[in-house]
N, C-alpha and C. Protein backbone atom coordinates (compact mmCIF):
# COMPACT_ATOMS: atom_id res chain seq x y z
N MET A 1 0.84 -1.20 0.00
CA MET A 1 0.00 0.00 0.00
C MET A 1 0.88 1.25 0.00
N PHE A 2 0.32 2.37 -0.50
CA PHE A 2 1.04 3.62 -0.51
C PHE A 2 0.84 4.36 0.80
N PRO A 3 1.81 5.16 1.19
CA PRO A 3 1.60 6.03 2.35
C PRO A 3 0.39 6.93 2.08
N PRO A 4 -0.46 7.16 3.04
CA PRO A 4 -1.73 7.86 2.80
C PRO A 4 -1.60 9.36 2.60
N SER A 5 -0.54 9.99 3.10
CA SER A 5 -0.49 11.46 3.05
C SER A 5 0.80 11.91 2.41
N THR A 6 0.94 11.70 1.12
CA THR A 6 2.14 12.08 0.39
C THR A 6 1.74 12.75 -0.92
N GLU A 7 2.73 13.40 -1.56
CA GLU A 7 2.47 13.99 -2.88
C GLU A 7 2.04 12.93 -3.87
N TRP A 8 2.61 11.72 -3.69
CA TRP A 8 2.22 10.63 -4.57
C TRP A 8 0.74 10.32 -4.45
N GLN A 9 0.22 10.31 -3.24
CA GLN A 9 -1.19 10.00 -3.05
C GLN A 9 -2.07 11.06 -3.71
N VAL A 10 -1.64 12.31 -3.62
CA VAL A 10 -2.40 13.39 -4.27
C VAL A 10 -2.42 13.16 -5.78
N ALA A 11 -1.26 12.84 -6.35
CA ALA A 11 -1.19 12.60 -7.79
C ALA A 11 -2.01 11.39 -8.19
N LEU A 12 -1.94 10.36 -7.36
CA LEU A 12 -2.69 9.14 -7.64
C LEU A 12 -4.20 9.40 -7.63
N ASP A 13 -4.66 10.15 -6.63
CA ASP A 13 -6.07 10.47 -6.54
C ASP A 13 -6.52 11.31 -7.72
N ALA A 14 -5.64 12.24 -8.16
CA ALA A 14 -5.98 13.08 -9.31
C ALA A 14 -6.12 12.24 -10.57
N LEU A 15 -5.21 11.30 -10.76
CA LEU A 15 -5.29 10.41 -11.92
C LEU A 15 -6.56 9.57 -11.87
N ALA A 16 -6.85 9.03 -10.71
CA ALA A 16 -8.03 8.20 -10.57
C ALA A 16 -9.29 9.00 -10.88
N HIS A 17 -9.34 10.25 -10.38
CA HIS A 17 -10.50 11.10 -10.65
C HIS A 17 -10.61 11.43 -12.13
N THR A 18 -9.47 11.75 -12.75
CA THR A 18 -9.46 12.14 -14.16
C THR A 18 -9.97 11.02 -15.05
N PHE A 19 -9.54 9.79 -14.76
CA PHE A 19 -9.88 8.69 -15.65
C PHE A 19 -11.05 7.86 -15.15
N GLY A 20 -11.65 8.26 -14.04
CA GLY A 20 -12.84 7.57 -13.57
C GLY A 20 -12.59 6.14 -13.14
N VAL A 21 -11.43 5.89 -12.55
CA VAL A 21 -11.10 4.55 -12.08
C VAL A 21 -10.73 4.63 -10.60
N SER A 22 -10.55 3.48 -10.01
CA SER A 22 -10.17 3.46 -8.60
C SER A 22 -8.67 3.60 -8.44
N ALA A 23 -8.26 4.28 -7.36
CA ALA A 23 -6.83 4.37 -7.06
C ALA A 23 -6.26 2.98 -6.81
N HIS A 24 -7.08 2.09 -6.29
CA HIS A 24 -6.62 0.72 -6.03
C HIS A 24 -6.20 0.04 -7.33
N ALA A 25 -6.97 0.26 -8.39
CA ALA A 25 -6.63 -0.37 -9.68
C ALA A 25 -5.31 0.15 -10.20
N ILE A 26 -5.07 1.48 -10.03
CA ILE A 26 -3.80 2.04 -10.47
C ILE A 26 -2.66 1.49 -9.65
N ARG A 27 -2.86 1.34 -8.33
CA ARG A 27 -1.82 0.76 -7.48
C ARG A 27 -1.41 -0.62 -7.96
N LEU A 28 -2.38 -1.38 -8.41
CA LEU A 28 -2.11 -2.74 -8.83
C LEU A 28 -1.61 -2.83 -10.26
N GLY A 29 -1.49 -1.68 -10.93
CA GLY A 29 -1.03 -1.69 -12.31
C GLY A 29 -2.09 -2.20 -13.26
N ASP A 30 -3.37 -2.18 -12.85
CA ASP A 30 -4.45 -2.69 -13.69
C ASP A 30 -5.00 -1.56 -14.53
N ARG A 31 -4.62 -1.52 -15.81
CA ARG A 31 -5.03 -0.44 -16.68
C ARG A 31 -6.14 -0.86 -17.64
N ARG A 32 -6.71 -1.99 -17.45
CA ARG A 32 -7.73 -2.46 -18.39
C ARG A 32 -8.93 -1.53 -18.46
N ASP A 33 -9.26 -0.88 -17.34
CA ASP A 33 -10.43 0.01 -17.35
C ASP A 33 -10.07 1.43 -17.77
N LEU A 34 -8.82 1.67 -18.18
CA LEU A 34 -8.45 2.98 -18.70
C LEU A 34 -8.56 3.01 -20.22
N CYS A 35 -7.93 2.07 -20.88
CA CYS A 35 -7.98 2.03 -22.34
C CYS A 35 -7.48 0.67 -22.81
N GLU A 36 -8.25 0.04 -23.67
CA GLU A 36 -7.88 -1.30 -24.13
C GLU A 36 -6.61 -1.28 -24.96
N THR A 37 -6.30 -0.12 -25.58
CA THR A 37 -5.12 -0.05 -26.43
C THR A 37 -3.86 0.28 -25.65
N MET A 38 -3.97 0.52 -24.36
CA MET A 38 -2.81 0.92 -23.56
C MET A 38 -1.83 -0.25 -23.42
N PRO A 39 -0.53 0.01 -23.59
CA PRO A 39 0.45 -1.07 -23.43
C PRO A 39 0.42 -1.62 -22.01
N ARG A 40 0.52 -2.95 -21.88
CA ARG A 40 0.48 -3.59 -20.57
C ARG A 40 1.86 -3.56 -19.92
N ARG A 41 1.88 -3.31 -18.64
CA ARG A 41 3.13 -3.38 -17.88
C ARG A 41 2.87 -4.13 -16.59
N ALA A 42 3.92 -4.68 -16.05
CA ALA A 42 3.78 -5.43 -14.80
C ALA A 42 3.46 -4.49 -13.66
N PRO A 43 2.77 -4.96 -12.61
CA PRO A 43 2.50 -4.13 -11.43
C PRO A 43 3.79 -3.59 -10.83
N VAL A 44 3.71 -2.39 -10.29
CA VAL A 44 4.88 -1.73 -9.71
C VAL A 44 4.69 -1.61 -8.21
N ALA A 45 5.65 -2.03 -7.44
CA ALA A 45 5.59 -1.90 -5.99
C ALA A 45 6.24 -0.58 -5.60
N ILE A 46 5.49 0.29 -4.97
CA ILE A 46 6.00 1.59 -4.58
C ILE A 46 6.46 1.53 -3.12
N ILE A 47 7.72 1.86 -2.90
CA ILE A 47 8.22 1.74 -1.53
C ILE A 47 8.72 3.07 -0.99
N ASN A 48 8.90 4.08 -1.85
CA ASN A 48 9.34 5.39 -1.37
C ASN A 48 8.96 6.45 -2.38
N GLY A 49 9.20 7.72 -2.01
CA GLY A 49 8.79 8.82 -2.86
C GLY A 49 9.42 8.79 -4.23
N SER A 50 10.72 8.45 -4.31
CA SER A 50 11.41 8.41 -5.59
C SER A 50 10.79 7.37 -6.51
N SER A 51 10.47 6.22 -5.98
CA SER A 51 9.84 5.17 -6.77
C SER A 51 8.46 5.62 -7.23
N ALA A 52 7.78 6.37 -6.40
CA ALA A 52 6.44 6.86 -6.76
C ALA A 52 6.52 7.76 -7.97
N VAL A 53 7.48 8.68 -7.95
CA VAL A 53 7.63 9.60 -9.08
C VAL A 53 7.98 8.83 -10.35
N SER A 54 8.87 7.85 -10.23
CA SER A 54 9.26 7.04 -11.38
C SER A 54 8.08 6.27 -11.93
N ALA A 55 7.30 5.68 -11.04
CA ALA A 55 6.15 4.91 -11.48
C ALA A 55 5.11 5.80 -12.13
N LEU A 56 4.89 7.00 -11.57
CA LEU A 56 3.92 7.92 -12.15
C LEU A 56 4.38 8.37 -13.53
N SER A 57 5.66 8.65 -13.70
CA SER A 57 6.18 9.04 -15.00
C SER A 57 5.99 7.93 -16.02
N GLU A 58 6.26 6.70 -15.58
CA GLU A 58 6.08 5.55 -16.47
C GLU A 58 4.61 5.38 -16.84
N PHE A 59 3.75 5.57 -15.87
CA PHE A 59 2.33 5.44 -16.11
C PHE A 59 1.85 6.46 -17.14
N ILE A 60 2.27 7.73 -16.96
CA ILE A 60 1.88 8.79 -17.88
C ILE A 60 2.46 8.54 -19.27
N GLN A 61 3.71 8.09 -19.32
CA GLN A 61 4.33 7.81 -20.61
C GLN A 61 3.55 6.74 -21.37
N GLY A 62 2.99 5.79 -20.66
CA GLY A 62 2.28 4.70 -21.31
C GLY A 62 0.87 5.03 -21.74
N LEU A 63 0.32 6.14 -21.24
CA LEU A 63 -1.05 6.49 -21.57
C LEU A 63 -1.18 6.88 -23.05
N PRO A 64 -2.21 6.43 -23.72
CA PRO A 64 -2.49 6.95 -25.07
C PRO A 64 -2.95 8.40 -24.96
N LYS A 65 -2.51 9.24 -25.89
CA LYS A 65 -2.75 10.67 -25.77
C LYS A 65 -3.28 11.25 -27.07
N ALA A 66 -3.93 12.40 -26.94
CA ALA A 66 -4.34 13.20 -28.10
C ALA A 66 -3.74 14.58 -27.95
N GLU A 67 -3.07 15.06 -28.99
CA GLU A 67 -2.50 16.41 -29.00
C GLU A 67 -3.51 17.31 -29.70
N LEU A 68 -4.20 18.15 -28.93
CA LEU A 68 -5.34 18.89 -29.46
C LEU A 68 -5.02 20.34 -29.80
N HIS A 69 -3.83 20.80 -29.52
CA HIS A 69 -3.48 22.19 -29.81
C HIS A 69 -1.98 22.26 -30.06
N LEU A 70 -1.59 22.09 -31.31
CA LEU A 70 -0.17 21.98 -31.64
C LEU A 70 0.15 22.88 -32.82
N HIS A 71 0.94 23.92 -32.59
CA HIS A 71 1.40 24.79 -33.68
C HIS A 71 2.69 24.18 -34.25
N VAL A 72 2.59 23.66 -35.46
CA VAL A 72 3.69 22.84 -35.96
C VAL A 72 4.98 23.64 -36.10
N GLU A 73 4.89 24.93 -36.45
CA GLU A 73 6.12 25.72 -36.56
C GLU A 73 6.81 25.85 -35.20
N GLY A 74 6.04 25.78 -34.14
CA GLY A 74 6.60 25.87 -32.80
C GLY A 74 7.33 24.63 -32.34
N THR A 75 7.26 23.55 -33.13
CA THR A 75 7.96 22.32 -32.76
C THR A 75 9.39 22.28 -33.31
N LEU A 76 9.76 23.31 -34.07
CA LEU A 76 11.10 23.35 -34.66
C LEU A 76 12.15 23.42 -33.57
N GLU A 77 13.02 22.41 -33.52
CA GLU A 77 14.05 22.34 -32.49
C GLU A 77 15.37 22.89 -33.01
N PRO A 78 16.27 23.30 -32.11
CA PRO A 78 17.51 23.96 -32.53
C PRO A 78 18.30 23.17 -33.56
N GLU A 79 18.42 21.86 -33.39
CA GLU A 79 19.21 21.06 -34.33
C GLU A 79 18.63 21.14 -35.75
N MET A 80 17.31 21.03 -35.85
CA MET A 80 16.69 21.10 -37.18
C MET A 80 16.77 22.51 -37.74
N MET A 81 16.63 23.53 -36.87
CA MET A 81 16.74 24.90 -37.36
C MET A 81 18.10 25.12 -38.02
N PHE A 82 19.15 24.64 -37.38
CA PHE A 82 20.49 24.78 -37.97
C PHE A 82 20.62 23.96 -39.25
N ALA A 83 20.07 22.76 -39.27
CA ALA A 83 20.15 21.91 -40.46
C ALA A 83 19.44 22.55 -41.65
N LEU A 84 18.26 23.09 -41.42
CA LEU A 84 17.52 23.73 -42.51
C LEU A 84 18.19 25.04 -42.93
N ALA A 85 18.76 25.76 -41.97
CA ALA A 85 19.47 26.99 -42.32
C ALA A 85 20.65 26.68 -43.24
N ARG A 86 21.39 25.62 -42.94
CA ARG A 86 22.50 25.23 -43.80
C ARG A 86 21.99 24.82 -45.18
N ARG A 87 20.92 24.04 -45.21
CA ARG A 87 20.39 23.55 -46.48
C ARG A 87 19.91 24.70 -47.37
N ASN A 88 19.37 25.74 -46.75
CA ASN A 88 18.81 26.85 -47.52
C ASN A 88 19.71 28.08 -47.58
N GLY A 89 20.95 27.94 -47.08
CA GLY A 89 21.90 29.04 -47.17
C GLY A 89 21.53 30.25 -46.35
N ILE A 90 21.01 30.02 -45.14
CA ILE A 90 20.57 31.10 -44.27
C ILE A 90 21.51 31.19 -43.06
N LYS A 91 21.93 32.40 -42.75
CA LYS A 91 22.80 32.60 -41.58
C LYS A 91 21.95 32.94 -40.38
N LEU A 92 22.08 32.16 -39.33
CA LEU A 92 21.33 32.40 -38.10
C LEU A 92 22.12 33.34 -37.19
N PRO A 93 21.42 34.10 -36.33
CA PRO A 93 22.12 35.02 -35.43
C PRO A 93 22.80 34.33 -34.26
N HIS A 94 22.60 33.03 -34.11
CA HIS A 94 23.19 32.28 -33.00
C HIS A 94 24.40 31.50 -33.50
N PRO A 95 25.50 31.50 -32.76
CA PRO A 95 26.72 30.85 -33.24
C PRO A 95 26.69 29.32 -33.19
N SER A 96 25.79 28.75 -32.38
CA SER A 96 25.79 27.30 -32.21
C SER A 96 24.40 26.82 -31.79
N VAL A 97 24.22 25.50 -31.87
CA VAL A 97 22.97 24.89 -31.41
C VAL A 97 22.77 25.18 -29.93
N GLU A 98 23.86 25.12 -29.16
CA GLU A 98 23.76 25.35 -27.72
C GLU A 98 23.32 26.78 -27.42
N ALA A 99 23.84 27.74 -28.15
CA ALA A 99 23.46 29.13 -27.93
C ALA A 99 22.00 29.36 -28.29
N LEU A 100 21.56 28.71 -29.37
CA LEU A 100 20.15 28.81 -29.76
C LEU A 100 19.26 28.18 -28.71
N ARG A 101 19.67 27.04 -28.19
CA ARG A 101 18.87 26.37 -27.17
C ARG A 101 18.76 27.25 -25.92
N ALA A 102 19.81 27.95 -25.57
CA ALA A 102 19.77 28.84 -24.42
C ALA A 102 18.77 29.97 -24.64
N ALA A 103 18.61 30.39 -25.90
CA ALA A 103 17.65 31.46 -26.21
C ALA A 103 16.21 31.02 -26.00
N TYR A 104 15.99 29.70 -25.95
CA TYR A 104 14.63 29.19 -25.73
C TYR A 104 14.15 29.47 -24.31
N ASN A 105 15.04 29.93 -23.46
CA ASN A 105 14.66 30.30 -22.09
C ASN A 105 14.18 31.75 -22.12
N PHE A 106 13.07 31.98 -22.83
CA PHE A 106 12.57 33.33 -23.02
C PHE A 106 11.82 33.81 -21.79
N GLY A 107 11.73 35.15 -21.65
CA GLY A 107 11.13 35.71 -20.46
C GLY A 107 9.74 36.27 -20.63
N ASN A 108 9.29 36.43 -21.90
CA ASN A 108 7.95 36.99 -22.14
C ASN A 108 7.46 36.55 -23.51
N LEU A 109 6.22 36.90 -23.80
CA LEU A 109 5.60 36.45 -25.05
C LEU A 109 6.32 37.00 -26.26
N GLN A 110 6.72 38.27 -26.23
CA GLN A 110 7.37 38.85 -27.40
C GLN A 110 8.71 38.17 -27.68
N ASP A 111 9.47 37.85 -26.64
CA ASP A 111 10.73 37.11 -26.85
C ASP A 111 10.46 35.77 -27.52
N PHE A 112 9.39 35.11 -27.07
CA PHE A 112 9.02 33.83 -27.68
C PHE A 112 8.66 34.01 -29.15
N LEU A 113 7.83 35.03 -29.45
CA LEU A 113 7.41 35.25 -30.83
C LEU A 113 8.58 35.62 -31.73
N ASN A 114 9.52 36.39 -31.21
CA ASN A 114 10.70 36.72 -32.00
C ASN A 114 11.46 35.47 -32.40
N LEU A 115 11.62 34.56 -31.44
CA LEU A 115 12.32 33.31 -31.71
C LEU A 115 11.49 32.42 -32.65
N TYR A 116 10.18 32.42 -32.44
CA TYR A 116 9.27 31.62 -33.26
C TYR A 116 9.38 32.02 -34.73
N TYR A 117 9.30 33.31 -35.00
CA TYR A 117 9.35 33.77 -36.39
C TYR A 117 10.75 33.70 -36.97
N ARG A 118 11.76 33.80 -36.13
CA ARG A 118 13.13 33.57 -36.62
C ARG A 118 13.25 32.12 -37.10
N GLY A 119 12.59 31.22 -36.39
CA GLY A 119 12.61 29.82 -36.80
C GLY A 119 11.89 29.60 -38.11
N THR A 120 10.76 30.27 -38.30
CA THR A 120 10.01 30.06 -39.54
C THR A 120 10.82 30.49 -40.76
N ASP A 121 11.78 31.39 -40.58
CA ASP A 121 12.54 31.89 -41.72
C ASP A 121 13.36 30.81 -42.41
N VAL A 122 13.69 29.74 -41.71
CA VAL A 122 14.48 28.67 -42.34
C VAL A 122 13.61 27.72 -43.15
N LEU A 123 12.29 27.86 -43.05
CA LEU A 123 11.36 27.02 -43.79
C LEU A 123 11.09 27.67 -45.14
N ARG A 124 11.65 27.11 -46.20
CA ARG A 124 11.57 27.74 -47.52
C ARG A 124 10.93 26.84 -48.58
N GLU A 125 11.19 25.56 -48.50
CA GLU A 125 10.76 24.62 -49.55
C GLU A 125 9.77 23.60 -48.99
N ARG A 126 9.08 22.93 -49.90
CA ARG A 126 8.09 21.93 -49.49
C ARG A 126 8.72 20.88 -48.58
N ARG A 127 9.92 20.44 -48.90
CA ARG A 127 10.53 19.38 -48.09
C ARG A 127 10.88 19.87 -46.69
N ASP A 128 11.09 21.19 -46.53
CA ASP A 128 11.34 21.73 -45.19
C ASP A 128 10.11 21.53 -44.31
N PHE A 129 8.94 21.82 -44.88
CA PHE A 129 7.69 21.65 -44.12
C PHE A 129 7.40 20.18 -43.87
N TYR A 130 7.78 19.34 -44.83
CA TYR A 130 7.63 17.90 -44.61
C TYR A 130 8.53 17.45 -43.46
N ASP A 131 9.79 17.83 -43.51
CA ASP A 131 10.74 17.38 -42.49
C ASP A 131 10.35 17.88 -41.10
N LEU A 132 9.90 19.13 -41.02
CA LEU A 132 9.44 19.68 -39.74
C LEU A 132 8.29 18.87 -39.17
N THR A 133 7.30 18.60 -40.01
CA THR A 133 6.11 17.90 -39.55
C THR A 133 6.42 16.44 -39.22
N TRP A 134 7.21 15.81 -40.04
CA TRP A 134 7.56 14.41 -39.79
C TRP A 134 8.34 14.26 -38.49
N ALA A 135 9.25 15.20 -38.21
CA ALA A 135 10.02 15.13 -36.96
C ALA A 135 9.08 15.20 -35.76
N TYR A 136 8.08 16.08 -35.83
CA TYR A 136 7.12 16.16 -34.72
C TYR A 136 6.34 14.86 -34.59
N MET A 137 5.87 14.30 -35.70
CA MET A 137 5.04 13.10 -35.64
C MET A 137 5.83 11.91 -35.09
N GLU A 138 7.11 11.83 -35.42
CA GLU A 138 7.94 10.77 -34.85
C GLU A 138 8.06 10.92 -33.34
N LYS A 139 8.26 12.16 -32.88
CA LYS A 139 8.36 12.39 -31.44
C LYS A 139 7.02 12.09 -30.77
N ALA A 140 5.93 12.49 -31.41
CA ALA A 140 4.60 12.22 -30.85
C ALA A 140 4.37 10.72 -30.70
N LYS A 141 4.81 9.97 -31.67
CA LYS A 141 4.67 8.51 -31.60
C LYS A 141 5.43 7.97 -30.40
N GLN A 142 6.62 8.48 -30.16
CA GLN A 142 7.42 8.03 -29.02
C GLN A 142 6.73 8.35 -27.69
N GLN A 143 5.91 9.39 -27.70
CA GLN A 143 5.23 9.82 -26.48
C GLN A 143 3.81 9.26 -26.40
N THR A 144 3.54 8.23 -27.19
CA THR A 144 2.26 7.51 -27.23
C THR A 144 1.08 8.42 -27.56
N VAL A 145 1.32 9.40 -28.43
CA VAL A 145 0.23 10.19 -28.99
C VAL A 145 -0.41 9.38 -30.11
N LEU A 146 -1.72 9.29 -30.10
CA LEU A 146 -2.45 8.53 -31.12
C LEU A 146 -3.10 9.45 -32.15
N HIS A 147 -3.37 10.70 -31.76
CA HIS A 147 -4.03 11.64 -32.66
C HIS A 147 -3.54 13.04 -32.37
N ALA A 148 -3.31 13.82 -33.44
CA ALA A 148 -2.83 15.20 -33.28
C ALA A 148 -3.66 16.13 -34.15
N GLU A 149 -4.03 17.27 -33.58
CA GLU A 149 -4.69 18.32 -34.34
C GLU A 149 -3.68 19.45 -34.51
N VAL A 150 -3.25 19.64 -35.75
CA VAL A 150 -2.06 20.43 -36.06
C VAL A 150 -2.45 21.78 -36.66
N PHE A 151 -2.00 22.86 -36.02
CA PHE A 151 -2.20 24.21 -36.54
C PHE A 151 -1.00 24.60 -37.40
N PHE A 152 -1.25 25.39 -38.45
CA PHE A 152 -0.13 25.95 -39.21
C PHE A 152 -0.47 27.38 -39.60
N ASP A 153 0.59 28.19 -39.82
CA ASP A 153 0.47 29.63 -40.08
C ASP A 153 0.93 29.95 -41.50
N PRO A 154 0.11 29.78 -42.50
CA PRO A 154 0.58 30.02 -43.87
C PRO A 154 1.06 31.45 -44.11
N GLN A 155 0.41 32.45 -43.46
CA GLN A 155 0.81 33.83 -43.69
C GLN A 155 2.24 34.12 -43.23
N ALA A 156 2.69 33.38 -42.22
CA ALA A 156 4.07 33.56 -41.75
C ALA A 156 5.07 33.17 -42.82
N HIS A 157 4.62 32.41 -43.81
CA HIS A 157 5.51 31.93 -44.87
C HIS A 157 5.25 32.63 -46.20
N THR A 158 3.97 32.81 -46.55
CA THR A 158 3.67 33.43 -47.84
C THR A 158 4.14 34.88 -47.87
N ARG A 159 4.15 35.57 -46.73
CA ARG A 159 4.63 36.96 -46.73
C ARG A 159 6.14 37.03 -46.93
N ARG A 160 6.81 35.87 -46.83
CA ARG A 160 8.24 35.79 -47.13
C ARG A 160 8.49 35.29 -48.55
N GLY A 161 7.41 35.07 -49.30
CA GLY A 161 7.56 34.61 -50.68
C GLY A 161 7.46 33.11 -50.86
N VAL A 162 7.17 32.38 -49.80
CA VAL A 162 7.00 30.93 -49.89
C VAL A 162 5.61 30.64 -50.47
N ARG A 163 5.53 29.69 -51.37
CA ARG A 163 4.25 29.34 -52.00
C ARG A 163 3.32 28.66 -50.99
N PHE A 164 2.05 29.06 -50.96
CA PHE A 164 1.07 28.42 -50.09
C PHE A 164 1.05 26.92 -50.33
N ALA A 165 1.11 26.52 -51.59
CA ALA A 165 1.06 25.09 -51.94
C ALA A 165 2.21 24.32 -51.31
N ASP A 166 3.40 24.91 -51.28
CA ASP A 166 4.54 24.22 -50.69
C ASP A 166 4.35 24.02 -49.19
N VAL A 167 3.75 25.01 -48.54
CA VAL A 167 3.52 24.92 -47.10
C VAL A 167 2.56 23.77 -46.79
N ILE A 168 1.37 23.85 -47.35
CA ILE A 168 0.34 22.88 -46.97
C ILE A 168 0.63 21.49 -47.52
N GLU A 169 1.18 21.40 -48.70
CA GLU A 169 1.43 20.07 -49.27
C GLU A 169 2.57 19.36 -48.55
N GLY A 170 3.58 20.11 -48.11
CA GLY A 170 4.64 19.48 -47.33
C GLY A 170 4.14 18.97 -46.00
N ILE A 171 3.34 19.79 -45.31
CA ILE A 171 2.78 19.38 -44.02
C ILE A 171 1.83 18.21 -44.20
N ASP A 172 0.94 18.32 -45.18
CA ASP A 172 -0.08 17.29 -45.38
C ASP A 172 0.55 15.96 -45.75
N GLU A 173 1.57 15.98 -46.57
CA GLU A 173 2.22 14.72 -46.96
C GLU A 173 2.81 14.02 -45.74
N ALA A 174 3.44 14.78 -44.87
CA ALA A 174 4.02 14.19 -43.65
C ALA A 174 2.93 13.61 -42.75
N LEU A 175 1.80 14.31 -42.65
CA LEU A 175 0.70 13.81 -41.82
C LEU A 175 0.14 12.51 -42.39
N ARG A 176 0.02 12.45 -43.69
CA ARG A 176 -0.48 11.23 -44.33
C ARG A 176 0.52 10.07 -44.15
N ASP A 177 1.78 10.38 -44.30
CA ASP A 177 2.80 9.35 -44.09
C ASP A 177 2.79 8.85 -42.65
N ALA A 178 2.58 9.77 -41.71
CA ALA A 178 2.55 9.38 -40.30
C ALA A 178 1.39 8.44 -40.02
N GLU A 179 0.26 8.66 -40.68
CA GLU A 179 -0.87 7.75 -40.47
C GLU A 179 -0.57 6.38 -41.05
N GLY A 180 0.03 6.35 -42.24
CA GLY A 180 0.32 5.08 -42.89
C GLY A 180 1.46 4.31 -42.24
N ARG A 181 2.50 5.02 -41.80
CA ARG A 181 3.70 4.36 -41.30
C ARG A 181 3.76 4.27 -39.78
N LEU A 182 3.13 5.21 -39.09
CA LEU A 182 3.19 5.25 -37.63
C LEU A 182 1.85 4.94 -36.97
N GLY A 183 0.77 4.93 -37.75
CA GLY A 183 -0.55 4.69 -37.18
C GLY A 183 -1.06 5.86 -36.37
N LEU A 184 -0.58 7.08 -36.67
CA LEU A 184 -0.93 8.27 -35.90
C LEU A 184 -1.84 9.14 -36.77
N THR A 185 -3.09 9.32 -36.36
CA THR A 185 -4.02 10.11 -37.14
C THR A 185 -3.88 11.59 -36.82
N SER A 186 -4.44 12.44 -37.68
CA SER A 186 -4.28 13.88 -37.49
C SER A 186 -5.36 14.64 -38.23
N LYS A 187 -5.52 15.90 -37.84
CA LYS A 187 -6.35 16.88 -38.55
C LYS A 187 -5.53 18.15 -38.69
N LEU A 188 -5.81 18.90 -39.76
CA LEU A 188 -5.02 20.09 -40.05
C LEU A 188 -5.90 21.34 -39.91
N ILE A 189 -5.40 22.33 -39.15
CA ILE A 189 -6.15 23.56 -38.87
C ILE A 189 -5.32 24.76 -39.34
N LEU A 190 -5.90 25.55 -40.22
CA LEU A 190 -5.24 26.75 -40.72
C LEU A 190 -5.47 27.91 -39.75
N CYS A 191 -4.42 28.67 -39.47
CA CYS A 191 -4.55 29.83 -38.59
C CYS A 191 -4.23 31.12 -39.34
N PHE A 192 -5.06 32.15 -39.12
CA PHE A 192 -4.75 33.49 -39.57
C PHE A 192 -3.93 34.19 -38.48
N LEU A 193 -3.07 35.11 -38.90
CA LEU A 193 -2.29 35.91 -37.95
C LEU A 193 -3.08 37.16 -37.60
N ARG A 194 -3.36 37.34 -36.33
CA ARG A 194 -4.23 38.44 -35.92
C ARG A 194 -3.57 39.80 -36.07
N ASP A 195 -2.24 39.84 -36.23
CA ASP A 195 -1.58 41.14 -36.40
C ASP A 195 -1.57 41.60 -37.85
N LEU A 196 -2.09 40.77 -38.77
CA LEU A 196 -2.20 41.17 -40.17
C LEU A 196 -3.63 41.59 -40.47
N ASP A 197 -3.82 42.31 -41.58
CA ASP A 197 -5.14 42.87 -41.85
C ASP A 197 -6.09 41.85 -42.47
N ILE A 198 -7.36 42.23 -42.54
CA ILE A 198 -8.40 41.34 -43.05
C ILE A 198 -8.14 40.97 -44.50
N GLU A 199 -7.66 41.92 -45.30
CA GLU A 199 -7.42 41.64 -46.71
C GLU A 199 -6.40 40.53 -46.88
N ASP A 200 -5.37 40.53 -46.03
CA ASP A 200 -4.36 39.47 -46.10
C ASP A 200 -4.97 38.13 -45.72
N ALA A 201 -5.83 38.13 -44.71
CA ALA A 201 -6.50 36.90 -44.31
C ALA A 201 -7.40 36.37 -45.42
N MET A 202 -8.12 37.27 -46.09
CA MET A 202 -9.01 36.84 -47.16
C MET A 202 -8.23 36.29 -48.35
N ALA A 203 -7.07 36.88 -48.63
CA ALA A 203 -6.23 36.36 -49.71
C ALA A 203 -5.73 34.96 -49.37
N THR A 204 -5.41 34.75 -48.10
CA THR A 204 -4.97 33.42 -47.66
C THR A 204 -6.11 32.43 -47.75
N LEU A 205 -7.30 32.86 -47.36
CA LEU A 205 -8.47 31.98 -47.45
C LEU A 205 -8.74 31.58 -48.89
N ASP A 206 -8.59 32.51 -49.81
CA ASP A 206 -8.81 32.19 -51.23
C ASP A 206 -7.85 31.08 -51.69
N GLN A 207 -6.62 31.14 -51.23
CA GLN A 207 -5.66 30.10 -51.60
C GLN A 207 -5.99 28.78 -50.92
N ALA A 208 -6.53 28.87 -49.72
CA ALA A 208 -6.83 27.66 -48.94
C ALA A 208 -8.01 26.88 -49.50
N LEU A 209 -8.89 27.56 -50.23
CA LEU A 209 -10.11 26.90 -50.71
C LEU A 209 -9.80 25.70 -51.60
N ALA A 210 -8.69 25.74 -52.29
CA ALA A 210 -8.30 24.61 -53.14
C ALA A 210 -7.95 23.38 -52.32
N TYR A 211 -7.72 23.57 -51.02
CA TYR A 211 -7.33 22.48 -50.12
C TYR A 211 -8.35 22.26 -49.01
N LYS A 212 -9.57 22.68 -49.26
CA LYS A 212 -10.58 22.61 -48.20
C LYS A 212 -10.88 21.19 -47.76
N ASP A 213 -10.55 20.21 -48.58
CA ASP A 213 -10.75 18.81 -48.18
C ASP A 213 -9.69 18.37 -47.16
N ARG A 214 -8.62 19.16 -46.99
CA ARG A 214 -7.54 18.80 -46.07
C ARG A 214 -7.57 19.63 -44.79
N ILE A 215 -8.35 20.70 -44.77
CA ILE A 215 -8.39 21.61 -43.64
C ILE A 215 -9.73 21.44 -42.92
N VAL A 216 -9.69 21.18 -41.63
CA VAL A 216 -10.94 20.91 -40.89
C VAL A 216 -11.46 22.13 -40.14
N ALA A 217 -10.62 23.15 -39.95
CA ALA A 217 -11.05 24.31 -39.16
C ALA A 217 -10.12 25.48 -39.43
N ILE A 218 -10.58 26.66 -38.98
CA ILE A 218 -9.78 27.90 -39.09
C ILE A 218 -9.56 28.42 -37.68
N GLY A 219 -8.33 28.85 -37.42
CA GLY A 219 -8.01 29.42 -36.12
C GLY A 219 -7.40 30.81 -36.24
N LEU A 220 -7.04 31.39 -35.13
CA LEU A 220 -6.45 32.72 -35.07
C LEU A 220 -5.34 32.70 -34.03
N ASP A 221 -4.16 33.20 -34.41
CA ASP A 221 -3.07 33.19 -33.45
C ASP A 221 -2.14 34.38 -33.65
N SER A 222 -0.99 34.33 -33.02
CA SER A 222 0.01 35.39 -32.97
C SER A 222 -0.48 36.51 -32.06
N ALA A 223 0.19 37.66 -32.12
CA ALA A 223 -0.16 38.77 -31.23
C ALA A 223 0.18 40.09 -31.87
């Protein structure tokens, strides 16, 4: 049995409440009433706080998940940013991957957006958008994500001269490949940038209509 008054017990009770199961079932490693598709693991004996944290992490890692709000450009990691910059002949303001990673420790929204849009600048060709999206889907698979609803910002690219078709077709191809090769389903959501004018949004919508069979919703983002 677990100690009754610990952080672990609080976490355990929260999990039990969230998934509508008994804490006793979770203690015994019985996940059958959570999800039939969940990978089976042997029961874990918890004997101290450290083991509790480890077991909880393992439990969460094993849960099937849905990613319901994912801005795909925001998944660009420092290593890929440098790789795409080299491929497209772009000089980044950071001298190394490590320096770029340190910049991810931003202090406010504007610092984040500056870094976000600096990252989008390395996305130039259809294969760049494919590689970005595929890298995310592979990571999602590792984290037992079964379904992802993916937002993308076409205006962040078309205003730099990137073709709308290259953006959406690169992303869409990767999503389709992820379903066929990884078993990970997805939906694609187009976002307008709220800091741009209505005319720009309408021009983007006109381009998007040719792909309306691939887009399930419209969103609004940026600042």
